[in-house]
C-alpha cells in the first residue's frame, strides 16, 4: 500500500491520492535505478523532478519502497539535507 490514508479520505479523492502515491513511487524507483549506487533521502529530495513536493511525501515513498523490499538500509549513515544524519539506502 502506497497511500496510508491518515486523513480517512473516501471515494474519488482516495483513489486520486492512491494513484498519485503509486506514481511517485514509480518516479522514485526510476531515480534509484539510475543512481546504481548507495543513496540517502537527500539524494532523492535534491533531484526530485517535481518541485514543491512535500518532504513527507518523498519520505513516505522511500518507506514504502523499503517495506516492499525494493530498497534496503546499508547500515551506514550520511549527512542529510538539514545537517542531520540519515540512513544510507541501496537498491536490492
N, C-alpha and C. Protein backbone atom coordinates (compact mmCIF):
# COMPACT_ATOMS: atom_id res chain seq x y z
N UNK A 1 0.85 -1.17 0.00
CA UNK A 1 0.00 0.00 0.00
C UNK A 1 0.90 1.24 0.00
N UNK A 2 0.67 2.11 -0.95
CA UNK A 2 1.49 3.30 -1.07
C UNK A 2 0.92 4.51 -0.34
N UNK A 3 -0.39 4.60 -0.28
CA UNK A 3 -1.02 5.75 0.37
C UNK A 3 -1.59 5.29 1.71
N UNK A 4 -1.20 5.94 2.79
CA UNK A 4 -1.55 5.47 4.13
C UNK A 4 -2.90 5.98 4.64
N UNK A 5 -3.51 6.92 3.96
CA UNK A 5 -4.84 7.43 4.27
C UNK A 5 -5.03 7.80 5.74
N UNK A 6 -4.12 8.59 6.25
CA UNK A 6 -4.22 9.03 7.65
C UNK A 6 -5.33 10.05 7.87
N UNK A 7 -5.88 10.59 6.80
CA UNK A 7 -6.96 11.58 6.91
C UNK A 7 -8.31 10.98 6.58
N UNK A 8 -8.38 9.66 6.48
CA UNK A 8 -9.62 8.92 6.24
C UNK A 8 -10.40 9.42 5.01
N UNK A 9 -9.69 9.60 3.91
CA UNK A 9 -10.34 10.02 2.66
C UNK A 9 -11.18 8.87 2.12
N UNK A 10 -12.15 9.22 1.27
CA UNK A 10 -13.04 8.22 0.68
C UNK A 10 -13.31 8.57 -0.78
N UNK A 11 -13.85 7.61 -1.49
CA UNK A 11 -14.33 7.84 -2.84
C UNK A 11 -13.25 8.25 -3.82
N UNK A 12 -13.60 9.20 -4.69
CA UNK A 12 -12.69 9.63 -5.75
C UNK A 12 -11.44 10.30 -5.21
N UNK A 13 -11.54 11.03 -4.12
CA UNK A 13 -10.35 11.65 -3.53
C UNK A 13 -9.35 10.57 -3.11
N UNK A 14 -9.83 9.52 -2.47
CA UNK A 14 -8.96 8.44 -2.04
C UNK A 14 -8.28 7.79 -3.24
N UNK A 15 -9.05 7.50 -4.28
CA UNK A 15 -8.47 6.89 -5.48
C UNK A 15 -7.42 7.79 -6.10
N UNK A 16 -7.70 9.09 -6.15
CA UNK A 16 -6.74 10.04 -6.72
C UNK A 16 -5.45 10.06 -5.91
N UNK A 17 -5.56 10.11 -4.60
CA UNK A 17 -4.37 10.14 -3.74
C UNK A 17 -3.58 8.84 -3.85
N UNK A 18 -4.27 7.72 -3.95
CA UNK A 18 -3.60 6.43 -4.11
C UNK A 18 -2.83 6.39 -5.43
N UNK A 19 -3.45 6.88 -6.49
CA UNK A 19 -2.79 6.91 -7.80
C UNK A 19 -1.56 7.82 -7.78
N UNK A 20 -1.69 8.97 -7.13
CA UNK A 20 -0.56 9.89 -7.04
C UNK A 20 0.60 9.27 -6.25
N UNK A 21 0.28 8.55 -5.19
CA UNK A 21 1.32 7.89 -4.40
C UNK A 21 2.02 6.81 -5.21
N UNK A 22 1.26 6.02 -5.96
CA UNK A 22 1.87 4.98 -6.81
C UNK A 22 2.75 5.61 -7.89
N UNK A 23 2.29 6.70 -8.47
CA UNK A 23 3.08 7.39 -9.48
C UNK A 23 4.38 7.90 -8.89
N UNK A 24 4.30 8.49 -7.70
CA UNK A 24 5.50 8.97 -7.04
C UNK A 24 6.47 7.82 -6.76
N UNK A 25 5.95 6.70 -6.31
CA UNK A 25 6.81 5.53 -6.07
C UNK A 25 7.53 5.12 -7.35
N UNK A 26 6.84 5.15 -8.47
CA UNK A 26 7.44 4.78 -9.75
C UNK A 26 8.52 5.78 -10.17
N UNK A 27 8.26 7.06 -9.96
CA UNK A 27 9.26 8.09 -10.28
C UNK A 27 10.53 7.85 -9.46
N UNK A 28 10.35 7.60 -8.18
CA UNK A 28 11.50 7.39 -7.29
C UNK A 28 12.22 6.10 -7.63
N UNK A 29 11.50 5.06 -7.99
CA UNK A 29 12.14 3.81 -8.44
C UNK A 29 13.05 4.08 -9.64
N UNK A 30 12.55 4.87 -10.57
CA UNK A 30 13.35 5.22 -11.74
C UNK A 30 14.61 5.99 -11.37
N UNK A 31 14.47 6.90 -10.42
CA UNK A 31 15.63 7.67 -9.96
C UNK A 31 16.66 6.76 -9.31
N UNK A 32 16.19 5.82 -8.50
CA UNK A 32 17.09 4.89 -7.81
C UNK A 32 17.80 4.00 -8.81
N UNK A 33 17.09 3.52 -9.81
CA UNK A 33 17.69 2.65 -10.83
C UNK A 33 18.82 3.37 -11.56
N UNK A 34 18.65 4.66 -11.81
CA UNK A 34 19.69 5.42 -12.50
C UNK A 34 20.91 5.67 -11.61
N UNK A 35 20.71 5.74 -10.29
CA UNK A 35 21.83 6.01 -9.38
C UNK A 35 22.85 4.88 -9.39
N UNK A 36 22.39 3.65 -9.31
CA UNK A 36 23.23 2.45 -9.28
C UNK A 36 24.35 2.55 -8.24
N UNK A 37 24.05 3.18 -7.11
CA UNK A 37 24.99 3.28 -6.00
C UNK A 37 24.19 3.57 -4.74
N UNK A 38 24.80 3.44 -3.57
CA UNK A 38 24.09 3.80 -2.35
C UNK A 38 23.66 5.26 -2.39
N UNK A 39 22.56 5.55 -1.72
CA UNK A 39 22.00 6.90 -1.71
C UNK A 39 21.31 7.14 -0.38
N UNK A 40 20.90 8.36 -0.16
CA UNK A 40 20.12 8.68 1.03
C UNK A 40 18.94 9.54 0.60
N UNK A 41 18.11 9.87 1.54
CA UNK A 41 16.94 10.70 1.26
C UNK A 41 17.33 11.97 0.52
N UNK A 42 18.43 12.60 0.96
CA UNK A 42 18.83 13.89 0.36
C UNK A 42 19.09 13.76 -1.13
N UNK A 43 19.62 12.63 -1.57
CA UNK A 43 19.89 12.43 -3.00
C UNK A 43 18.59 12.44 -3.81
N UNK A 44 17.57 11.83 -3.26
CA UNK A 44 16.27 11.80 -3.93
C UNK A 44 15.61 13.18 -3.81
N UNK A 45 15.62 13.73 -2.63
CA UNK A 45 14.98 15.02 -2.38
C UNK A 45 15.56 16.12 -3.26
N UNK A 46 16.89 16.17 -3.35
CA UNK A 46 17.55 17.23 -4.11
C UNK A 46 17.36 17.14 -5.62
N UNK A 47 17.07 15.95 -6.12
CA UNK A 47 16.94 15.80 -7.57
C UNK A 47 15.53 15.39 -8.00
N UNK A 48 14.57 15.42 -7.06
CA UNK A 48 13.20 15.03 -7.41
C UNK A 48 12.67 15.99 -8.46
N UNK A 49 12.11 15.48 -9.57
CA UNK A 49 11.77 16.33 -10.71
C UNK A 49 10.54 17.23 -10.53
N UNK A 50 9.71 16.96 -9.56
CA UNK A 50 8.50 17.76 -9.36
C UNK A 50 8.73 18.67 -8.16
N UNK A 51 8.92 19.95 -8.43
CA UNK A 51 9.19 20.92 -7.37
C UNK A 51 7.96 21.10 -6.48
N UNK A 52 8.22 21.53 -5.26
CA UNK A 52 7.18 21.77 -4.25
C UNK A 52 6.49 20.49 -3.78
N UNK A 53 7.10 19.34 -4.01
CA UNK A 53 6.57 18.10 -3.47
C UNK A 53 6.87 18.07 -1.97
N UNK A 54 5.87 17.79 -1.14
CA UNK A 54 6.13 17.78 0.31
C UNK A 54 7.23 16.79 0.68
N UNK A 55 8.10 17.22 1.56
CA UNK A 55 9.20 16.38 2.02
C UNK A 55 8.69 15.07 2.61
N UNK A 56 7.56 15.14 3.32
CA UNK A 56 7.00 13.94 3.94
C UNK A 56 6.51 12.96 2.89
N UNK A 57 6.10 13.46 1.75
CA UNK A 57 5.63 12.58 0.68
C UNK A 57 6.78 11.76 0.10
N UNK A 58 7.92 12.39 -0.06
CA UNK A 58 9.09 11.66 -0.56
C UNK A 58 9.56 10.65 0.48
N UNK A 59 9.55 11.03 1.74
CA UNK A 59 9.93 10.08 2.80
C UNK A 59 8.94 8.90 2.85
N UNK A 60 7.64 9.18 2.65
CA UNK A 60 6.65 8.12 2.63
C UNK A 60 6.96 7.12 1.52
N UNK A 61 7.31 7.65 0.36
CA UNK A 61 7.60 6.78 -0.77
C UNK A 61 8.82 5.90 -0.50
N UNK A 62 9.87 6.47 0.06
CA UNK A 62 11.05 5.67 0.38
C UNK A 62 10.73 4.61 1.42
N UNK A 63 9.90 4.95 2.40
CA UNK A 63 9.49 3.97 3.41
C UNK A 63 8.69 2.85 2.76
N UNK A 64 7.80 3.20 1.85
CA UNK A 64 7.01 2.20 1.14
C UNK A 64 7.92 1.27 0.34
N UNK A 65 8.87 1.83 -0.39
CA UNK A 65 9.78 1.01 -1.20
C UNK A 65 10.64 0.11 -0.33
N UNK A 66 10.98 0.58 0.86
CA UNK A 66 11.74 -0.25 1.80
C UNK A 66 10.88 -1.41 2.29
N UNK A 67 9.63 -1.12 2.64
CA UNK A 67 8.72 -2.18 3.10
C UNK A 67 8.43 -3.19 2.01
N UNK A 68 8.43 -2.75 0.75
CA UNK A 68 8.19 -3.65 -0.39
C UNK A 68 9.43 -4.46 -0.76
N UNK A 69 10.56 -4.14 -0.14
CA UNK A 69 11.79 -4.87 -0.41
C UNK A 69 12.54 -4.38 -1.64
N UNK A 70 12.16 -3.23 -2.17
CA UNK A 70 12.85 -2.69 -3.35
C UNK A 70 14.20 -2.07 -2.97
N UNK A 71 14.26 -1.47 -1.77
CA UNK A 71 15.49 -0.90 -1.26
C UNK A 71 15.74 -1.40 0.15
N UNK A 72 16.96 -1.26 0.62
CA UNK A 72 17.29 -1.65 1.99
C UNK A 72 18.35 -0.71 2.54
N UNK A 73 18.47 -0.68 3.84
CA UNK A 73 19.47 0.14 4.50
C UNK A 73 20.83 -0.54 4.40
N UNK A 74 21.88 0.28 4.27
CA UNK A 74 23.24 -0.28 4.21
C UNK A 74 23.84 -0.45 5.60
N UNK A 75 23.25 0.19 6.60
CA UNK A 75 23.81 0.17 7.95
C UNK A 75 24.68 1.39 8.22
N UNK A 76 24.89 2.21 7.20
CA UNK A 76 25.69 3.43 7.35
C UNK A 76 24.78 4.65 7.40
N UNK A 77 25.32 5.72 7.95
CA UNK A 77 24.61 7.00 7.96
C UNK A 77 25.46 8.04 7.25
N UNK A 78 24.79 8.99 6.61
CA UNK A 78 25.46 10.09 5.93
C UNK A 78 24.81 11.39 6.37
N UNK A 79 25.49 12.51 6.11
CA UNK A 79 24.93 13.81 6.46
C UNK A 79 23.80 14.12 5.49
N UNK A 80 22.68 14.55 6.04
CA UNK A 80 21.49 14.77 5.24
C UNK A 80 21.26 16.21 4.86
N UNK A 81 20.07 16.48 4.36
CA UNK A 81 19.67 17.78 3.85
C UNK A 81 19.77 18.86 4.93
N UNK A 82 19.36 18.56 6.11
CA UNK A 82 19.27 19.56 7.17
C UNK A 82 20.37 19.39 8.22
N UNK A 83 21.55 18.99 7.76
CA UNK A 83 22.71 18.78 8.62
C UNK A 83 22.42 17.80 9.75
N UNK A 84 21.62 16.81 9.44
CA UNK A 84 21.32 15.73 10.38
C UNK A 84 21.63 14.41 9.69
N UNK A 85 22.12 13.45 10.44
CA UNK A 85 22.43 12.16 9.85
C UNK A 85 21.16 11.45 9.39
N UNK A 86 21.29 10.77 8.26
CA UNK A 86 20.18 9.96 7.76
C UNK A 86 20.75 8.64 7.24
N UNK A 87 19.91 7.64 7.19
CA UNK A 87 20.36 6.32 6.79
C UNK A 87 20.65 6.27 5.30
N UNK A 88 21.72 5.54 4.99
CA UNK A 88 22.07 5.31 3.60
C UNK A 88 21.28 4.09 3.11
N UNK A 89 20.81 4.15 1.89
CA UNK A 89 20.00 3.09 1.30
C UNK A 89 20.66 2.56 0.03
N UNK A 90 20.20 1.39 -0.40
CA UNK A 90 20.68 0.82 -1.66
C UNK A 90 19.57 -0.03 -2.26
N UNK A 91 19.55 -0.08 -3.58
CA UNK A 91 18.56 -0.92 -4.28
C UNK A 91 18.96 -2.37 -4.07
N UNK A 92 17.99 -3.21 -3.80
CA UNK A 92 18.27 -4.65 -3.61
C UNK A 92 18.56 -5.31 -4.92
